[in-house]
Amino acid sequence: MTVFADFAALGRRLERVRGRLEKRDEVARFLRGLAPEEIATAVAFLAARAFPASDPRVLGVRWLPRDAGGGAEGAPLTLLDVAGAFADVAAATGAGVRRTRDARLARLAARASADERDFLNRIIGGEMRTGVSEGLLLEAIALAWGVELSAARRAALFLGDLGAVATLAAAGGAAAVAGATPRPFVPLLPMLAEIADDFAAVLTAH
């Protein structure tokens, strides 16, 4: 299982890297090293989402409790530990729901290092600030599993979720992605575009 510290370390590397191709390559390497059940979660986190885009759940909070801290107590956090904790937070209902959510987030924070808490807050707040847009993330997914970018874009449009595209690519490669079709009751994802530095870059890419 991938520890969340590795995700935080990736985030720090992405902050330092200036070029978009280098960022793409860093993300692709990270994705290739994940277990199949971690892929959708990692893609969601890289896009600063607590849950995949096709998942209707919401956390209902904007950051970790202000007094949340700790010394990374217990076993190291994994990506799936964080996903499970977010699911518990989203499931809280009824009287005192805010206190319940804060208590569950505080338990998560107690297991995290300061660096990990920083990236937990970025995911919760919906701003990763690493320079990786969803368009660039899709490019990394295509690179990671040898998929044509045009096919990955088409699959993203149909599946409505980059995590679903990545999971499909990891399981079945280019053929599976090329065969993606719209799913009932899943909204189509808007076409993803990247801002180019100049017109020549657009011509080179397309």
N, C-alpha and C. Protein backbone atom coordinates (compact mmCIF):
# COMPACT_ATOMS: atom_id res chain seq x y z
N MET A 1 0.83 -1.20 0.00
CA MET A 1 0.00 0.00 0.00
C MET A 1 0.87 1.27 0.00
N THR A 2 0.44 2.25 -0.71
CA THR A 2 1.18 3.50 -0.82
C THR A 2 0.92 4.38 0.39
N VAL A 3 1.98 4.83 1.05
CA VAL A 3 1.81 5.69 2.22
C VAL A 3 1.52 7.11 1.75
N PHE A 4 0.75 7.83 2.57
CA PHE A 4 0.38 9.19 2.21
C PHE A 4 1.59 10.11 2.18
N ALA A 5 2.63 9.76 2.94
CA ALA A 5 3.87 10.55 2.91
C ALA A 5 4.46 10.59 1.50
N ASP A 6 4.30 9.51 0.75
CA ASP A 6 4.79 9.50 -0.64
C ASP A 6 3.99 10.47 -1.50
N PHE A 7 2.69 10.56 -1.25
CA PHE A 7 1.86 11.52 -1.97
C PHE A 7 2.30 12.95 -1.64
N ALA A 8 2.55 13.22 -0.35
CA ALA A 8 3.00 14.55 0.05
C ALA A 8 4.35 14.87 -0.57
N ALA A 9 5.24 13.88 -0.64
CA ALA A 9 6.55 14.09 -1.25
C ALA A 9 6.40 14.41 -2.74
N LEU A 10 5.48 13.73 -3.40
CA LEU A 10 5.20 14.05 -4.81
C LEU A 10 4.73 15.49 -4.93
N GLY A 11 3.84 15.91 -4.04
CA GLY A 11 3.36 17.28 -4.07
C GLY A 11 4.48 18.29 -3.93
N ARG A 12 5.42 18.02 -3.05
CA ARG A 12 6.57 18.93 -2.88
C ARG A 12 7.43 18.96 -4.15
N ARG A 13 7.63 17.80 -4.77
CA ARG A 13 8.41 17.79 -6.01
C ARG A 13 7.70 18.59 -7.10
N LEU A 14 6.40 18.44 -7.19
CA LEU A 14 5.64 19.18 -8.20
C LEU A 14 5.70 20.68 -7.98
N GLU A 15 5.79 21.09 -6.73
CA GLU A 15 5.95 22.52 -6.43
C GLU A 15 7.28 23.05 -6.96
N ARG A 16 8.31 22.22 -6.88
CA ARG A 16 9.66 22.66 -7.28
C ARG A 16 9.85 22.63 -8.79
N VAL A 17 9.23 21.67 -9.45
CA VAL A 17 9.41 21.51 -10.89
C VAL A 17 8.68 22.62 -11.64
N ARG A 18 9.35 23.24 -12.60
CA ARG A 18 8.75 24.36 -13.32
C ARG A 18 8.07 23.93 -14.62
N GLY A 19 8.67 23.03 -15.35
CA GLY A 19 8.14 22.65 -16.66
C GLY A 19 6.94 21.73 -16.56
N ARG A 20 5.97 21.92 -17.45
CA ARG A 20 4.77 21.09 -17.39
C ARG A 20 5.05 19.65 -17.79
N LEU A 21 6.01 19.43 -18.70
CA LEU A 21 6.32 18.06 -19.08
C LEU A 21 6.97 17.30 -17.92
N GLU A 22 7.81 18.02 -17.17
CA GLU A 22 8.42 17.38 -15.99
C GLU A 22 7.36 17.05 -14.95
N LYS A 23 6.40 17.95 -14.79
CA LYS A 23 5.30 17.67 -13.86
C LYS A 23 4.51 16.45 -14.33
N ARG A 24 4.21 16.42 -15.62
CA ARG A 24 3.49 15.27 -16.18
C ARG A 24 4.24 13.98 -15.92
N ASP A 25 5.55 13.99 -16.15
CA ASP A 25 6.35 12.78 -15.97
C ASP A 25 6.37 12.34 -14.51
N GLU A 26 6.47 13.29 -13.59
CA GLU A 26 6.46 12.96 -12.16
C GLU A 26 5.15 12.28 -11.78
N VAL A 27 4.05 12.83 -12.24
CA VAL A 27 2.73 12.26 -11.91
C VAL A 27 2.59 10.87 -12.53
N ALA A 28 3.02 10.72 -13.77
CA ALA A 28 2.92 9.42 -14.45
C ALA A 28 3.70 8.35 -13.69
N ARG A 29 4.90 8.68 -13.26
CA ARG A 29 5.71 7.70 -12.50
C ARG A 29 5.00 7.30 -11.21
N PHE A 30 4.43 8.28 -10.53
CA PHE A 30 3.73 7.98 -9.28
C PHE A 30 2.54 7.08 -9.54
N LEU A 31 1.75 7.39 -10.55
CA LEU A 31 0.55 6.60 -10.83
C LEU A 31 0.91 5.16 -11.19
N ARG A 32 1.97 4.97 -11.95
CA ARG A 32 2.37 3.61 -12.36
C ARG A 32 2.73 2.74 -11.17
N GLY A 33 3.17 3.35 -10.08
CA GLY A 33 3.59 2.59 -8.92
C GLY A 33 2.48 2.23 -7.95
N LEU A 34 1.24 2.61 -8.26
CA LEU A 34 0.13 2.39 -7.34
C LEU A 34 -0.50 1.02 -7.52
N ALA A 35 -1.09 0.51 -6.45
CA ALA A 35 -1.93 -0.68 -6.55
C ALA A 35 -3.23 -0.30 -7.26
N PRO A 36 -3.87 -1.25 -7.95
CA PRO A 36 -5.09 -0.92 -8.70
C PRO A 36 -6.16 -0.21 -7.87
N GLU A 37 -6.32 -0.63 -6.62
CA GLU A 37 -7.38 -0.05 -5.79
C GLU A 37 -7.05 1.35 -5.28
N GLU A 38 -5.81 1.80 -5.50
CA GLU A 38 -5.41 3.13 -5.05
C GLU A 38 -5.54 4.19 -6.15
N ILE A 39 -5.67 3.77 -7.38
CA ILE A 39 -5.53 4.68 -8.51
C ILE A 39 -6.59 5.78 -8.52
N ALA A 40 -7.85 5.42 -8.39
CA ALA A 40 -8.91 6.43 -8.45
C ALA A 40 -8.77 7.44 -7.31
N THR A 41 -8.40 6.95 -6.13
CA THR A 41 -8.19 7.85 -4.99
C THR A 41 -7.05 8.81 -5.25
N ALA A 42 -5.93 8.30 -5.75
CA ALA A 42 -4.78 9.16 -6.01
C ALA A 42 -5.10 10.22 -7.05
N VAL A 43 -5.81 9.85 -8.09
CA VAL A 43 -6.18 10.82 -9.13
C VAL A 43 -7.09 11.90 -8.54
N ALA A 44 -8.04 11.49 -7.72
CA ALA A 44 -8.91 12.48 -7.07
C ALA A 44 -8.10 13.43 -6.21
N PHE A 45 -7.19 12.89 -5.40
CA PHE A 45 -6.38 13.73 -4.52
C PHE A 45 -5.50 14.69 -5.33
N LEU A 46 -4.92 14.21 -6.43
CA LEU A 46 -4.08 15.07 -7.26
C LEU A 46 -4.88 16.22 -7.85
N ALA A 47 -6.17 16.00 -8.05
CA ALA A 47 -7.06 17.06 -8.55
C ALA A 47 -7.69 17.86 -7.42
N ALA A 48 -7.17 17.67 -6.20
CA ALA A 48 -7.69 18.37 -5.01
C ALA A 48 -9.15 18.06 -4.75
N ARG A 49 -9.49 16.79 -4.88
CA ARG A 49 -10.84 16.31 -4.57
C ARG A 49 -10.74 15.23 -3.50
N ALA A 50 -11.63 15.29 -2.53
CA ALA A 50 -11.66 14.24 -1.51
C ALA A 50 -12.22 12.94 -2.07
N PHE A 51 -13.07 13.05 -3.09
CA PHE A 51 -13.69 11.88 -3.72
C PHE A 51 -13.59 12.03 -5.24
N PRO A 52 -13.66 10.92 -5.97
CA PRO A 52 -13.65 11.01 -7.43
C PRO A 52 -14.77 11.92 -7.94
N ALA A 53 -14.56 12.47 -9.13
CA ALA A 53 -15.52 13.44 -9.68
C ALA A 53 -16.92 12.86 -9.83
N SER A 54 -17.02 11.56 -10.08
CA SER A 54 -18.33 10.94 -10.26
C SER A 54 -19.00 10.55 -8.95
N ASP A 55 -18.31 10.77 -7.83
CA ASP A 55 -18.83 10.42 -6.50
C ASP A 55 -19.54 11.63 -5.91
N PRO A 56 -20.82 11.52 -5.57
CA PRO A 56 -21.57 12.69 -5.10
C PRO A 56 -21.27 13.10 -3.66
N ARG A 57 -20.50 12.32 -2.93
CA ARG A 57 -20.26 12.65 -1.52
C ARG A 57 -19.45 13.94 -1.37
N VAL A 58 -19.71 14.64 -0.27
CA VAL A 58 -18.95 15.84 0.07
C VAL A 58 -18.53 15.77 1.53
N LEU A 59 -17.42 16.42 1.84
CA LEU A 59 -16.94 16.41 3.23
C LEU A 59 -17.75 17.32 4.12
N GLY A 60 -18.19 18.45 3.59
CA GLY A 60 -18.94 19.40 4.41
C GLY A 60 -18.07 20.21 5.35
N VAL A 61 -16.76 20.21 5.11
CA VAL A 61 -15.82 21.03 5.89
C VAL A 61 -14.84 21.67 4.90
N ARG A 62 -14.12 22.69 5.38
CA ARG A 62 -13.20 23.40 4.49
C ARG A 62 -11.75 23.22 4.86
N TRP A 63 -11.47 22.70 6.06
CA TRP A 63 -10.09 22.48 6.48
C TRP A 63 -10.08 21.59 7.71
N LEU A 64 -8.90 21.14 8.09
CA LEU A 64 -8.77 20.38 9.33
C LEU A 64 -9.11 21.29 10.51
N PRO A 65 -9.58 20.72 11.63
CA PRO A 65 -9.81 21.54 12.82
C PRO A 65 -8.56 22.34 13.18
N ARG A 66 -8.73 23.56 13.63
CA ARG A 66 -7.59 24.44 13.88
C ARG A 66 -6.63 23.88 14.92
N ASP A 67 -7.15 23.13 15.88
CA ASP A 67 -6.28 22.57 16.91
C ASP A 67 -5.81 21.17 16.58
N ALA A 68 -6.10 20.71 15.34
CA ALA A 68 -5.68 19.36 14.95
C ALA A 68 -4.18 19.34 14.75
N GLY A 69 -3.55 18.37 15.32
CA GLY A 69 -2.11 18.23 15.17
C GLY A 69 -1.71 16.85 15.59
N GLY A 70 -0.47 16.68 15.84
CA GLY A 70 -0.03 15.38 16.28
C GLY A 70 1.39 15.12 15.84
N GLY A 71 1.87 14.00 16.22
CA GLY A 71 3.23 13.62 15.89
C GLY A 71 3.27 12.38 15.06
N ALA A 72 2.35 12.25 14.12
CA ALA A 72 2.28 11.06 13.26
C ALA A 72 2.21 9.80 14.12
N GLU A 73 1.20 9.76 15.00
CA GLU A 73 1.05 8.64 15.92
C GLU A 73 0.57 7.39 15.20
N GLY A 74 1.06 6.24 15.62
CA GLY A 74 0.59 4.97 15.08
C GLY A 74 1.22 4.63 13.75
N ALA A 75 0.59 3.70 13.05
CA ALA A 75 1.11 3.25 11.76
C ALA A 75 1.05 4.38 10.74
N PRO A 76 1.97 4.40 9.78
CA PRO A 76 1.93 5.44 8.76
C PRO A 76 0.60 5.45 8.01
N LEU A 77 0.13 6.64 7.71
CA LEU A 77 -1.09 6.78 6.91
C LEU A 77 -0.86 6.28 5.49
N THR A 78 -1.83 5.59 4.95
CA THR A 78 -1.80 5.22 3.53
C THR A 78 -2.83 6.05 2.77
N LEU A 79 -2.74 6.01 1.45
CA LEU A 79 -3.76 6.68 0.64
C LEU A 79 -5.15 6.18 0.97
N LEU A 80 -5.28 4.87 1.16
CA LEU A 80 -6.60 4.31 1.43
C LEU A 80 -7.06 4.62 2.85
N ASP A 81 -6.13 4.80 3.79
CA ASP A 81 -6.52 5.27 5.13
C ASP A 81 -7.18 6.65 5.03
N VAL A 82 -6.57 7.53 4.26
CA VAL A 82 -7.11 8.88 4.10
C VAL A 82 -8.47 8.82 3.41
N ALA A 83 -8.57 8.00 2.37
CA ALA A 83 -9.86 7.86 1.67
C ALA A 83 -10.93 7.34 2.62
N GLY A 84 -10.58 6.38 3.47
CA GLY A 84 -11.54 5.85 4.43
C GLY A 84 -11.96 6.88 5.45
N ALA A 85 -10.99 7.69 5.91
CA ALA A 85 -11.32 8.74 6.87
C ALA A 85 -12.24 9.78 6.25
N PHE A 86 -11.97 10.15 5.00
CA PHE A 86 -12.85 11.10 4.32
C PHE A 86 -14.26 10.53 4.17
N ALA A 87 -14.35 9.24 3.88
CA ALA A 87 -15.67 8.60 3.76
C ALA A 87 -16.42 8.67 5.09
N ASP A 88 -15.71 8.45 6.20
CA ASP A 88 -16.34 8.54 7.52
C ASP A 88 -16.84 9.95 7.80
N VAL A 89 -16.05 10.94 7.41
CA VAL A 89 -16.46 12.34 7.61
C VAL A 89 -17.71 12.64 6.80
N ALA A 90 -17.72 12.22 5.54
CA ALA A 90 -18.87 12.49 4.68
C ALA A 90 -20.12 11.78 5.16
N ALA A 91 -19.96 10.66 5.86
CA ALA A 91 -21.11 9.87 6.31
C ALA A 91 -21.75 10.43 7.57
N ALA A 92 -21.09 11.38 8.23
CA ALA A 92 -21.63 11.93 9.48
C ALA A 92 -22.92 12.70 9.21
N THR A 93 -23.93 12.46 10.02
CA THR A 93 -25.22 13.15 9.89
C THR A 93 -25.79 13.41 11.27
N GLY A 94 -26.90 14.14 11.30
CA GLY A 94 -27.64 14.32 12.54
C GLY A 94 -27.15 15.48 13.39
N ALA A 95 -27.68 15.52 14.61
CA ALA A 95 -27.32 16.60 15.54
C ALA A 95 -25.83 16.56 15.85
N GLY A 96 -25.23 17.73 15.90
CA GLY A 96 -23.81 17.81 16.20
C GLY A 96 -22.92 17.32 15.09
N VAL A 97 -23.41 17.39 13.85
CA VAL A 97 -22.65 16.81 12.73
C VAL A 97 -21.30 17.50 12.55
N ARG A 98 -21.24 18.82 12.80
CA ARG A 98 -19.96 19.52 12.63
C ARG A 98 -18.94 19.01 13.64
N ARG A 99 -19.37 18.81 14.88
CA ARG A 99 -18.44 18.30 15.89
C ARG A 99 -17.99 16.89 15.55
N THR A 100 -18.92 16.09 15.03
CA THR A 100 -18.56 14.72 14.64
C THR A 100 -17.53 14.74 13.52
N ARG A 101 -17.76 15.58 12.53
CA ARG A 101 -16.82 15.66 11.42
C ARG A 101 -15.45 16.13 11.89
N ASP A 102 -15.44 17.16 12.75
CA ASP A 102 -14.17 17.67 13.26
C ASP A 102 -13.43 16.61 14.07
N ALA A 103 -14.17 15.84 14.87
CA ALA A 103 -13.54 14.79 15.67
C ALA A 103 -12.91 13.73 14.78
N ARG A 104 -13.60 13.37 13.71
CA ARG A 104 -13.06 12.35 12.80
C ARG A 104 -11.85 12.88 12.04
N LEU A 105 -11.89 14.14 11.65
CA LEU A 105 -10.73 14.73 11.00
C LEU A 105 -9.57 14.88 11.96
N ALA A 106 -9.86 15.18 13.22
CA ALA A 106 -8.80 15.31 14.22
C ALA A 106 -8.08 13.98 14.41
N ARG A 107 -8.83 12.87 14.38
CA ARG A 107 -8.19 11.55 14.50
C ARG A 107 -7.27 11.29 13.31
N LEU A 108 -7.70 11.72 12.14
CA LEU A 108 -6.85 11.58 10.96
C LEU A 108 -5.60 12.43 11.09
N ALA A 109 -5.77 13.67 11.51
CA ALA A 109 -4.64 14.59 11.63
C ALA A 109 -3.63 14.11 12.66
N ALA A 110 -4.10 13.43 13.71
CA ALA A 110 -3.19 12.94 14.75
C ALA A 110 -2.21 11.90 14.22
N ARG A 111 -2.56 11.26 13.13
CA ARG A 111 -1.69 10.25 12.52
C ARG A 111 -0.78 10.84 11.45
N ALA A 112 -0.93 12.12 11.17
CA ALA A 112 -0.22 12.73 10.04
C ALA A 112 0.92 13.61 10.52
N SER A 113 1.97 13.67 9.72
CA SER A 113 3.06 14.61 9.96
C SER A 113 2.60 16.01 9.54
N ALA A 114 3.41 17.00 9.85
CA ALA A 114 3.06 18.37 9.46
C ALA A 114 2.94 18.49 7.95
N ASP A 115 3.84 17.84 7.22
CA ASP A 115 3.79 17.88 5.76
C ASP A 115 2.52 17.21 5.25
N GLU A 116 2.18 16.08 5.82
CA GLU A 116 0.96 15.38 5.41
C GLU A 116 -0.28 16.21 5.73
N ARG A 117 -0.29 16.88 6.88
CA ARG A 117 -1.44 17.72 7.22
C ARG A 117 -1.60 18.86 6.22
N ASP A 118 -0.49 19.40 5.75
CA ASP A 118 -0.57 20.45 4.74
C ASP A 118 -1.31 19.95 3.51
N PHE A 119 -0.98 18.76 3.04
CA PHE A 119 -1.63 18.25 1.84
C PHE A 119 -3.04 17.75 2.11
N LEU A 120 -3.31 17.30 3.31
CA LEU A 120 -4.69 16.99 3.67
C LEU A 120 -5.55 18.25 3.57
N ASN A 121 -5.03 19.35 4.08
CA ASN A 121 -5.78 20.61 4.02
C ASN A 121 -5.99 21.07 2.58
N ARG A 122 -5.01 20.83 1.73
CA ARG A 122 -5.15 21.23 0.33
C ARG A 122 -6.26 20.42 -0.35
N ILE A 123 -6.30 19.13 -0.07
CA ILE A 123 -7.36 18.30 -0.65
C ILE A 123 -8.72 18.74 -0.12
N ILE A 124 -8.81 18.92 1.19
CA ILE A 124 -10.08 19.32 1.81
C ILE A 124 -10.54 20.67 1.26
N GLY A 125 -9.59 21.60 1.10
CA GLY A 125 -9.93 22.93 0.62
C GLY A 125 -10.14 23.03 -0.88
N GLY A 126 -9.77 21.97 -1.62
CA GLY A 126 -9.98 21.97 -3.06
C GLY A 126 -8.97 22.75 -3.87
N GLU A 127 -7.78 23.00 -3.29
CA GLU A 127 -6.73 23.74 -4.00
C GLU A 127 -5.40 23.05 -3.74
N MET A 128 -4.89 22.31 -4.74
CA MET A 128 -3.64 21.58 -4.54
C MET A 128 -2.41 22.47 -4.68
N ARG A 129 -2.48 23.48 -5.57
CA ARG A 129 -1.40 24.46 -5.76
C ARG A 129 -0.07 23.80 -6.13
N THR A 130 -0.12 22.81 -7.00
CA THR A 130 1.10 22.18 -7.49
C THR A 130 1.33 22.46 -8.97
N GLY A 131 0.42 23.18 -9.61
CA GLY A 131 0.55 23.44 -11.03
C GLY A 131 0.09 22.31 -11.92
N VAL A 132 -0.61 21.33 -11.34
CA VAL A 132 -1.12 20.20 -12.13
C VAL A 132 -2.62 20.39 -12.32
N SER A 133 -2.99 20.80 -13.52
CA SER A 133 -4.41 20.95 -13.86
C SER A 133 -4.99 19.59 -14.21
N GLU A 134 -6.30 19.54 -14.37
CA GLU A 134 -6.92 18.27 -14.76
C GLU A 134 -6.49 17.86 -16.17
N GLY A 135 -6.26 18.85 -17.03
CA GLY A 135 -5.76 18.53 -18.36
C GLY A 135 -4.39 17.88 -18.32
N LEU A 136 -3.51 18.42 -17.49
CA LEU A 136 -2.17 17.85 -17.35
C LEU A 136 -2.24 16.48 -16.67
N LEU A 137 -3.14 16.34 -15.72
CA LEU A 137 -3.32 15.06 -15.06
C LEU A 137 -3.76 13.99 -16.06
N LEU A 138 -4.64 14.36 -16.98
CA LEU A 138 -5.07 13.41 -18.00
C LEU A 138 -3.90 13.01 -18.90
N GLU A 139 -3.04 13.97 -19.22
CA GLU A 139 -1.84 13.64 -20.00
C GLU A 139 -0.96 12.65 -19.26
N ALA A 140 -0.82 12.83 -17.95
CA ALA A 140 -0.01 11.91 -17.15
C ALA A 140 -0.61 10.51 -17.14
N ILE A 141 -1.93 10.44 -17.06
CA ILE A 141 -2.61 9.14 -17.10
C ILE A 141 -2.33 8.44 -18.42
N ALA A 142 -2.44 9.18 -19.51
CA ALA A 142 -2.18 8.60 -20.83
C ALA A 142 -0.74 8.11 -20.93
N LEU A 143 0.20 8.91 -20.45
CA LEU A 143 1.61 8.53 -20.49
C LEU A 143 1.88 7.30 -19.63
N ALA A 144 1.28 7.26 -18.46
CA ALA A 144 1.55 6.17 -17.51
C ALA A 144 1.24 4.81 -18.10
N TRP A 145 0.19 4.72 -18.90
CA TRP A 145 -0.24 3.41 -19.39
C TRP A 145 -0.25 3.30 -20.92
N GLY A 146 0.49 4.19 -21.58
CA GLY A 146 0.67 4.07 -23.01
C GLY A 146 -0.60 4.23 -23.81
N VAL A 147 -1.40 5.21 -23.44
CA VAL A 147 -2.68 5.45 -24.11
C VAL A 147 -2.57 6.71 -24.96
N GLU A 148 -3.15 6.69 -26.14
CA GLU A 148 -3.20 7.90 -26.96
C GLU A 148 -3.99 8.97 -26.22
N LEU A 149 -3.45 10.20 -26.22
CA LEU A 149 -4.10 11.27 -25.48
C LEU A 149 -5.50 11.53 -26.00
N SER A 150 -5.69 11.45 -27.31
CA SER A 150 -7.03 11.68 -27.86
C SER A 150 -8.02 10.65 -27.35
N ALA A 151 -7.58 9.40 -27.21
CA ALA A 151 -8.46 8.35 -26.68
C ALA A 151 -8.74 8.59 -25.20
N ALA A 152 -7.74 9.05 -24.47
CA ALA A 152 -7.94 9.34 -23.05
C ALA A 152 -8.92 10.49 -22.87
N ARG A 153 -8.83 11.50 -23.72
CA ARG A 153 -9.77 12.63 -23.64
C ARG A 153 -11.19 12.17 -23.94
N ARG A 154 -11.32 11.33 -24.94
CA ARG A 154 -12.64 10.82 -25.30
C ARG A 154 -13.21 9.98 -24.15
N ALA A 155 -12.39 9.15 -23.54
CA ALA A 155 -12.85 8.33 -22.42
C ALA A 155 -13.24 9.20 -21.24
N ALA A 156 -12.46 10.26 -20.99
CA ALA A 156 -12.79 11.17 -19.89
C ALA A 156 -14.14 11.85 -20.14
N LEU A 157 -14.38 12.23 -21.38
CA LEU A 157 -15.66 12.84 -21.74
C LEU A 157 -16.81 11.88 -21.44
N PHE A 158 -16.64 10.61 -21.80
CA PHE A 158 -17.71 9.63 -21.63
C PHE A 158 -17.88 9.19 -20.17
N LEU A 159 -16.77 8.98 -19.48
CA LEU A 159 -16.83 8.42 -18.12
C LEU A 159 -17.07 9.48 -17.05
N GLY A 160 -16.76 10.73 -17.38
CA GLY A 160 -17.02 11.81 -16.44
C GLY A 160 -16.12 11.83 -15.23
N ASP A 161 -14.96 11.14 -15.31
CA ASP A 161 -14.14 10.97 -14.11
C ASP A 161 -12.74 10.53 -14.54
N LEU A 162 -11.73 11.35 -14.24
CA LEU A 162 -10.37 10.98 -14.62
C LEU A 162 -9.89 9.74 -13.89
N GLY A 163 -10.36 9.54 -12.66
CA GLY A 163 -9.99 8.34 -11.92
C GLY A 163 -10.48 7.08 -12.61
N ALA A 164 -11.67 7.16 -13.18
CA ALA A 164 -12.21 6.02 -13.92
C ALA A 164 -11.39 5.74 -15.17
N VAL A 165 -10.93 6.80 -15.83
CA VAL A 165 -10.07 6.62 -17.00
C VAL A 165 -8.76 5.95 -16.60
N ALA A 166 -8.16 6.42 -15.51
CA ALA A 166 -6.89 5.85 -15.06
C ALA A 166 -7.05 4.39 -14.66
N THR A 167 -8.11 4.08 -13.95
CA THR A 167 -8.36 2.70 -13.53
C THR A 167 -8.55 1.80 -14.74
N LEU A 168 -9.28 2.29 -15.73
CA LEU A 168 -9.51 1.53 -16.96
C LEU A 168 -8.19 1.31 -17.71
N ALA A 169 -7.38 2.36 -17.79
CA ALA A 169 -6.10 2.25 -18.49
C ALA A 169 -5.17 1.27 -17.80
N ALA A 170 -5.14 1.31 -16.48
CA ALA A 170 -4.27 0.40 -15.73
C ALA A 170 -4.69 -1.05 -15.90
N ALA A 171 -5.99 -1.28 -15.99
CA ALA A 171 -6.50 -2.65 -16.07
C ALA A 171 -6.45 -3.21 -17.48
N GLY A 172 -6.75 -2.37 -18.48
CA GLY A 172 -6.90 -2.90 -19.83
C GLY A 172 -6.09 -2.22 -20.91
N GLY A 173 -5.30 -1.21 -20.53
CA GLY A 173 -4.45 -0.55 -21.49
C GLY A 173 -5.20 0.26 -22.52
N ALA A 174 -4.51 0.51 -23.64
CA ALA A 174 -5.04 1.39 -24.68
C ALA A 174 -6.35 0.88 -25.26
N ALA A 175 -6.46 -0.43 -25.43
CA ALA A 175 -7.68 -0.98 -26.03
C ALA A 175 -8.90 -0.72 -25.16
N ALA A 176 -8.74 -0.87 -23.86
CA ALA A 176 -9.86 -0.64 -22.95
C ALA A 176 -10.28 0.82 -22.97
N VAL A 177 -9.31 1.72 -22.98
CA VAL A 177 -9.63 3.15 -23.00
C VAL A 177 -10.30 3.53 -24.31
N ALA A 178 -9.80 3.00 -25.42
CA ALA A 178 -10.39 3.30 -26.72
C ALA A 178 -11.82 2.79 -26.82
N GLY A 179 -12.14 1.76 -26.06
CA GLY A 179 -13.49 1.20 -26.10
C GLY A 179 -14.46 1.79 -25.11
N ALA A 180 -14.05 2.83 -24.40
CA ALA A 180 -14.94 3.44 -23.40
C ALA A 180 -16.17 4.03 -24.08
N THR A 181 -17.30 3.87 -23.43
CA THR A 181 -18.57 4.40 -23.93
C THR A 181 -19.26 5.17 -22.81
N PRO A 182 -20.20 6.04 -23.15
CA PRO A 182 -20.93 6.77 -22.10
C PRO A 182 -21.62 5.83 -21.13
N ARG A 183 -21.65 6.23 -19.85
CA ARG A 183 -22.32 5.44 -18.83
C ARG A 183 -23.68 6.06 -18.51
N PRO A 184 -24.72 5.24 -18.35
CA PRO A 184 -26.04 5.79 -18.03
C PRO A 184 -25.99 6.65 -16.76
N PHE A 185 -26.65 7.80 -16.83
CA PHE A 185 -26.82 8.70 -15.69
C PHE A 185 -25.52 9.35 -15.22
N VAL A 186 -24.44 9.21 -15.98
CA VAL A 186 -23.18 9.88 -15.65
C VAL A 186 -23.02 11.07 -16.59
N PRO A 187 -22.98 12.31 -16.07
CA PRO A 187 -22.84 13.48 -16.94
C PRO A 187 -21.53 13.43 -17.71
N LEU A 188 -21.56 13.91 -18.94
CA LEU A 188 -20.33 13.99 -19.73
C LEU A 188 -19.42 15.04 -19.12
N LEU A 189 -18.12 14.74 -19.12
CA LEU A 189 -17.14 15.67 -18.58
C LEU A 189 -16.82 16.73 -19.64
N PRO A 190 -16.76 18.02 -19.26
CA PRO A 190 -16.37 19.03 -20.24
C PRO A 190 -15.00 18.71 -20.82
N MET A 191 -14.78 19.10 -22.05
CA MET A 191 -13.48 18.87 -22.67
C MET A 191 -12.40 19.59 -21.88
N LEU A 192 -11.28 18.91 -21.67
CA LEU A 192 -10.19 19.47 -20.89
C LEU A 192 -9.21 20.16 -21.82
N ALA A 193 -8.81 21.36 -21.45
CA ALA A 193 -7.88 22.11 -22.28
C ALA A 193 -6.74 22.63 -21.41
N GLU A 194 -5.61 22.87 -22.04
CA GLU A 194 -4.45 23.42 -21.37
C GLU A 194 -4.17 24.82 -21.91
N ILE A 195 -3.69 25.71 -21.07
CA ILE A 195 -3.25 27.03 -21.51
C ILE A 195 -1.82 26.91 -22.00
N ALA A 196 -1.58 27.28 -23.25
CA ALA A 196 -0.24 27.19 -23.82
C ALA A 196 0.52 28.48 -23.58
N ASP A 197 1.86 28.38 -23.59
CA ASP A 197 2.69 29.56 -23.40
C ASP A 197 2.66 30.47 -24.63
N ASP A 198 2.55 29.89 -25.82
CA ASP A 198 2.49 30.69 -27.03
C ASP A 198 1.81 29.89 -28.13
N PHE A 199 1.56 30.56 -29.28
CA PHE A 199 0.84 29.90 -30.37
C PHE A 199 1.64 28.75 -30.95
N ALA A 200 2.96 28.87 -30.96
CA ALA A 200 3.80 27.79 -31.50
C ALA A 200 3.63 26.52 -30.69
N ALA A 201 3.44 26.67 -29.37
CA ALA A 201 3.23 25.50 -28.52
C ALA A 201 1.93 24.80 -28.88
N VAL A 202 0.91 25.59 -29.25
CA VAL A 202 -0.36 24.99 -29.66
C VAL A 202 -0.17 24.18 -30.93
N LEU A 203 0.55 24.74 -31.91
CA LEU A 203 0.78 24.03 -33.17
C LEU A 203 1.58 22.76 -32.95
N THR A 204 2.56 22.82 -32.05
CA THR A 204 3.38 21.65 -31.76
C THR A 204 2.56 20.55 -31.13
N ALA A 205 1.66 20.92 -30.21
CA ALA A 205 0.86 19.93 -29.48
C ALA A 205 -0.23 19.34 -30.35
N HIS A 206 -0.74 20.13 -31.31
CA HIS A 206 -1.92 19.69 -32.06
C HIS A 206 -1.68 19.64 -33.57
